[in-house]
Amino acid sequence: MSKYHFRKLQNEIRKDRQHRIKQLTHQLRYGNLSNEGRKGVIAQLDVIGGGV
């Protein structure tokens, strides 16, 4: 894999990760979540490195 394609792939992964973090933090702030739901969202954020 060339450096170009490797960098392109890394950028795609970064964009997807950032988008998922935005979705989860929005859900955490404005979502109508139960206590268990909040714990689930926080756990997902911890896994992908977007900790609260």
PDB file of N, CA and C in Angstrom:
ATOM      1  N   MET A   1       0.849  -1.170   0.000  1.00  0.00           N
ATOM      2  CA  MET A   1       0.000   0.000   0.000  1.00  0.00           C
ATOM      3  C   MET A   1       0.903   1.245   0.000  1.00  0.00           C
ATOM      4  N   SER A   2       0.625   2.140  -0.911  1.00  0.00           N
ATOM      5  CA  SER A   2       1.451   3.345  -1.000  1.00  0.00           C
ATOM      6  C   SER A   2       1.160   4.282   0.175  1.00  0.00           C
ATOM      7  N   LYS A   3       2.065   5.215   0.386  1.00  0.00           N
ATOM      8  CA  LYS A   3       1.870   6.187   1.470  1.00  0.00           C
ATOM      9  C   LYS A   3       0.595   6.993   1.243  1.00  0.00           C
ATOM     10  N   TYR A   4       0.325   7.315  -0.021  1.00  0.00           N
ATOM     11  CA  TYR A   4      -0.868   8.088  -0.359  1.00  0.00           C
ATOM     12  C   TYR A   4      -2.126   7.352   0.081  1.00  0.00           C
ATOM     13  N   HIS A   5      -2.230   6.074  -0.294  1.00  0.00           N
ATOM     14  CA  HIS A   5      -3.432   5.312   0.034  1.00  0.00           C
ATOM     15  C   HIS A   5      -3.550   5.064   1.537  1.00  0.00           C
ATOM     16  N   PHE A   6      -2.414   4.857   2.180  1.00  0.00           N
ATOM     17  CA  PHE A   6      -2.422   4.659   3.624  1.00  0.00           C
ATOM     18  C   PHE A   6      -2.925   5.915   4.330  1.00  0.00           C
ATOM     19  N   ARG A   7      -2.421   7.071   3.916  1.00  0.00           N
ATOM     20  CA  ARG A   7      -2.845   8.341   4.513  1.00  0.00           C
ATOM     21  C   ARG A   7      -4.321   8.604   4.236  1.00  0.00           C
ATOM     22  N   LYS A   8      -4.760   8.287   3.032  1.00  0.00           N
ATOM     23  CA  LYS A   8      -6.163   8.472   2.663  1.00  0.00           C
ATOM     24  C   LYS A   8      -7.067   7.612   3.556  1.00  0.00           C
ATOM     25  N   LEU A   9      -6.657   6.372   3.781  1.00  0.00           N
ATOM     26  CA  LEU A   9      -7.411   5.466   4.640  1.00  0.00           C
ATOM     27  C   LEU A   9      -7.441   5.984   6.082  1.00  0.00           C
ATOM     28  N   GLN A  10      -6.309   6.469   6.562  1.00  0.00           N
ATOM     29  CA  GLN A  10      -6.255   7.026   7.920  1.00  0.00           C
ATOM     30  C   GLN A  10      -7.206   8.212   8.063  1.00  0.00           C
ATOM     31  N   ASN A  11      -7.257   9.065   7.053  1.00  0.00           N
ATOM     32  CA  ASN A  11      -8.149  10.226   7.097  1.00  0.00           C
ATOM     33  C   ASN A  11      -9.608   9.806   7.139  1.00  0.00           C
ATOM     34  N   GLU A  12      -9.968   8.773   6.377  1.00  0.00           N
ATOM     35  CA  GLU A  12     -11.341   8.266   6.388  1.00  0.00           C
ATOM     36  C   GLU A  12     -11.711   7.757   7.778  1.00  0.00           C
ATOM     37  N   ILE A  13     -10.808   7.000   8.371  1.00  0.00           N
ATOM     38  CA  ILE A  13     -11.056   6.454   9.709  1.00  0.00           C
ATOM     39  C   ILE A  13     -11.218   7.585  10.714  1.00  0.00           C
ATOM     40  N   ARG A  14     -10.358   8.599  10.629  1.00  0.00           N
ATOM     41  CA  ARG A  14     -10.431   9.742  11.544  1.00  0.00           C
ATOM     42  C   ARG A  14     -11.760  10.476  11.403  1.00  0.00           C
ATOM     43  N   LYS A  15     -12.203  10.691  10.153  1.00  0.00           N
ATOM     44  CA  LYS A  15     -13.475  11.376   9.920  1.00  0.00           C
ATOM     45  C   LYS A  15     -14.638  10.587  10.505  1.00  0.00           C
ATOM     46  N   ASP A  16     -14.644   9.274  10.277  1.00  0.00           N
ATOM     47  CA  ASP A  16     -15.715   8.428  10.807  1.00  0.00           C
ATOM     48  C   ASP A  16     -15.738   8.478  12.332  1.00  0.00           C
ATOM     49  N   ARG A  17     -14.554   8.444  12.928  1.00  0.00           N
ATOM     50  CA  ARG A  17     -14.438   8.469  14.389  1.00  0.00           C
ATOM     51  C   ARG A  17     -14.963   9.795  14.934  1.00  0.00           C
ATOM     52  N   GLN A  18     -14.552  10.903  14.307  1.00  0.00           N
ATOM     53  CA  GLN A  18     -15.000  12.221  14.758  1.00  0.00           C
ATOM     54  C   GLN A  18     -16.519  12.342  14.650  1.00  0.00           C
ATOM     55  N   HIS A  19     -17.081  11.818  13.562  1.00  0.00           N
ATOM     56  CA  HIS A  19     -18.522  11.886  13.362  1.00  0.00           C
ATOM     57  C   HIS A  19     -19.249  11.093  14.446  1.00  0.00           C
ATOM     58  N   ARG A  20     -18.734   9.917  14.758  1.00  0.00           N
ATOM     59  CA  ARG A  20     -19.356   9.072  15.784  1.00  0.00           C
ATOM     60  C   ARG A  20     -19.274   9.750  17.158  1.00  0.00           C
ATOM     61  N   ILE A  21     -18.154  10.392  17.447  1.00  0.00           N
ATOM     62  CA  ILE A  21     -18.013  11.097  18.724  1.00  0.00           C
ATOM     63  C   ILE A  21     -19.039  12.223  18.812  1.00  0.00           C
ATOM     64  N   LYS A  22     -19.225  12.967  17.713  1.00  0.00           N
ATOM     65  CA  LYS A  22     -20.214  14.048  17.700  1.00  0.00           C
ATOM     66  C   LYS A  22     -21.615  13.503  17.936  1.00  0.00           C
ATOM     67  N   GLN A  23     -21.939  12.376  17.274  1.00  0.00           N
ATOM     68  CA  GLN A  23     -23.260  11.768  17.450  1.00  0.00           C
ATOM     69  C   GLN A  23     -23.488  11.385  18.909  1.00  0.00           C
ATOM     70  N   LEU A  24     -22.505  10.726  19.495  1.00  0.00           N
ATOM     71  CA  LEU A  24     -22.664  10.235  20.864  1.00  0.00           C
ATOM     72  C   LEU A  24     -22.730  11.370  21.877  1.00  0.00           C
ATOM     73  N   THR A  25     -21.893  12.406  21.706  1.00  0.00           N
ATOM     74  CA  THR A  25     -21.935  13.511  22.666  1.00  0.00           C
ATOM     75  C   THR A  25     -23.255  14.270  22.541  1.00  0.00           C
ATOM     76  N   HIS A  26     -23.775  14.386  21.341  1.00  0.00           N
ATOM     77  CA  HIS A  26     -25.071  15.037  21.160  1.00  0.00           C
ATOM     78  C   HIS A  26     -26.157  14.225  21.850  1.00  0.00           C
ATOM     79  N   GLN A  27     -26.097  12.906  21.669  1.00  0.00           N
ATOM     80  CA  GLN A  27     -27.070  12.016  22.296  1.00  0.00           C
ATOM     81  C   GLN A  27     -26.985  12.135  23.817  1.00  0.00           C
ATOM     82  N   LEU A  28     -25.777  12.251  24.320  1.00  0.00           N
ATOM     83  CA  LEU A  28     -25.560  12.353  25.760  1.00  0.00           C
ATOM     84  C   LEU A  28     -26.110  13.673  26.298  1.00  0.00           C
ATOM     85  N   ARG A  29     -25.891  14.763  25.568  1.00  0.00           N
ATOM     86  CA  ARG A  29     -26.327  16.081  26.038  1.00  0.00           C
ATOM     87  C   ARG A  29     -27.822  16.290  25.877  1.00  0.00           C
ATOM     88  N   TYR A  30     -28.342  15.953  24.699  1.00  0.00           N
ATOM     89  CA  TYR A  30     -29.715  16.337  24.378  1.00  0.00           C
ATOM     90  C   TYR A  30     -30.677  15.166  24.294  1.00  0.00           C
ATOM     91  N   GLY A  31     -30.142  13.953  24.317  1.00  0.00           N
ATOM     92  CA  GLY A  31     -31.005  12.782  24.200  1.00  0.00           C
ATOM     93  C   GLY A  31     -31.784  12.536  25.476  1.00  0.00           C
ATOM     94  N   ASN A  32     -32.900  11.881  25.324  1.00  0.00           N
ATOM     95  CA  ASN A  32     -33.733  11.555  26.469  1.00  0.00           C
ATOM     96  C   ASN A  32     -33.373  10.140  26.911  1.00  0.00           C
ATOM     97  N   LEU A  33     -32.209   9.986  27.541  1.00  0.00           N
ATOM     98  CA  LEU A  33     -31.684   8.663  27.844  1.00  0.00           C
ATOM     99  C   LEU A  33     -31.977   8.264  29.280  1.00  0.00           C
ATOM    100  N   SER A  34     -32.193   6.963  29.458  1.00  0.00           N
ATOM    101  CA  SER A  34     -32.306   6.426  30.813  1.00  0.00           C
ATOM    102  C   SER A  34     -30.903   6.366  31.408  1.00  0.00           C
ATOM    103  N   ASN A  35     -30.817   6.002  32.651  1.00  0.00           N
ATOM    104  CA  ASN A  35     -29.517   5.899  33.305  1.00  0.00           C
ATOM    105  C   ASN A  35     -28.648   4.851  32.616  1.00  0.00           C
ATOM    106  N   GLU A  36     -29.260   3.719  32.254  1.00  0.00           N
ATOM    107  CA  GLU A  36     -28.515   2.661  31.559  1.00  0.00           C
ATOM    108  C   GLU A  36     -28.051   3.148  30.186  1.00  0.00           C
ATOM    109  N   GLY A  37     -28.902   3.905  29.511  1.00  0.00           N
ATOM    110  CA  GLY A  37     -28.544   4.445  28.201  1.00  0.00           C
ATOM    111  C   GLY A  37     -27.352   5.382  28.289  1.00  0.00           C
ATOM    112  N   ARG A  38     -27.343   6.214  29.321  1.00  0.00           N
ATOM    113  CA  ARG A  38     -26.215   7.132  29.529  1.00  0.00           C
ATOM    114  C   ARG A  38     -24.924   6.362  29.754  1.00  0.00           C
ATOM    115  N   LYS A  39     -25.012   5.312  30.569  1.00  0.00           N
ATOM    116  CA  LYS A  39     -23.821   4.501  30.841  1.00  0.00           C
ATOM    117  C   LYS A  39     -23.305   3.859  29.560  1.00  0.00           C
ATOM    118  N   GLY A  40     -24.229   3.405  28.710  1.00  0.00           N
ATOM    119  CA  GLY A  40     -23.839   2.792  27.440  1.00  0.00           C
ATOM    120  C   GLY A  40     -23.125   3.772  26.530  1.00  0.00           C
ATOM    121  N   VAL A  41     -23.656   4.986  26.433  1.00  0.00           N
ATOM    122  CA  VAL A  41     -23.043   6.014  25.581  1.00  0.00           C
ATOM    123  C   VAL A  41     -21.662   6.382  26.114  1.00  0.00           C
ATOM    124  N   ILE A  42     -21.550   6.541  27.429  1.00  0.00           N
ATOM    125  CA  ILE A  42     -20.257   6.886  28.027  1.00  0.00           C
ATOM    126  C   ILE A  42     -19.245   5.773  27.784  1.00  0.00           C
ATOM    127  N   ALA A  43     -19.699   4.517  27.888  1.00  0.00           N
ATOM    128  CA  ALA A  43     -18.803   3.382  27.637  1.00  0.00           C
ATOM    129  C   ALA A  43     -18.324   3.387  26.190  1.00  0.00           C
ATOM    130  N   GLN A  44     -19.231   3.674  25.242  1.00  0.00           N
ATOM    131  CA  GLN A  44     -18.842   3.728  23.827  1.00  0.00           C
ATOM    132  C   GLN A  44     -17.828   4.841  23.590  1.00  0.00           C
ATOM    133  N   LEU A  45     -18.043   5.992  24.207  1.00  0.00           N
ATOM    134  CA  LEU A  45     -17.102   7.103  24.046  1.00  0.00           C
ATOM    135  C   LEU A  45     -15.730   6.745  24.609  1.00  0.00           C
ATOM    136  N   ASP A  46     -15.715   6.040  25.732  1.00  0.00           N
ATOM    137  CA  ASP A  46     -14.438   5.612  26.311  1.00  0.00           C
ATOM    138  C   ASP A  46     -13.702   4.682  25.369  1.00  0.00           C
ATOM    139  N   VAL A  47     -14.443   3.786  24.711  1.00  0.00           N
ATOM    140  CA  VAL A  47     -13.819   2.816  23.806  1.00  0.00           C
ATOM    141  C   VAL A  47     -13.178   3.511  22.614  1.00  0.00           C
ATOM    142  N   ILE A  48     -13.874   4.505  22.039  1.00  0.00           N
ATOM    143  CA  ILE A  48     -13.326   5.152  20.843  1.00  0.00           C
ATOM    144  C   ILE A  48     -12.449   6.355  21.176  1.00  0.00           C
ATOM    145  N   GLY A  49     -12.278   6.637  22.446  1.00  0.00           N
ATOM    146  CA  GLY A  49     -11.337   7.682  22.843  1.00  0.00           C
ATOM    147  C   GLY A  49     -11.908   9.077  22.831  1.00  0.00           C
ATOM    148  N   GLY A  50     -13.204   9.210  22.956  1.00  0.00           N
ATOM    149  CA  GLY A  50     -13.804  10.535  23.004  1.00  0.00           C
ATOM    150  C   GLY A  50     -14.386  10.798  24.365  1.00  0.00           C
ATOM    151  N   GLY A  51     -13.688  10.374  25.384  1.00  0.00           N
ATOM    152  CA  GLY A  51     -14.189  10.420  26.752  1.00  0.00           C
ATOM    153  C   GLY A  51     -14.795  11.746  27.150  1.00  0.00           C
ATOM    154  N   VAL A  52     -15.738  11.684  28.058  1.00  0.00           N
ATOM    155  CA  VAL A  52     -16.471  12.881  28.485  1.00  0.00           C
ATOM    156  C   VAL A  52     -15.772  13.517  29.657  1.00  0.00           C
TER     157      VAL A  52
END
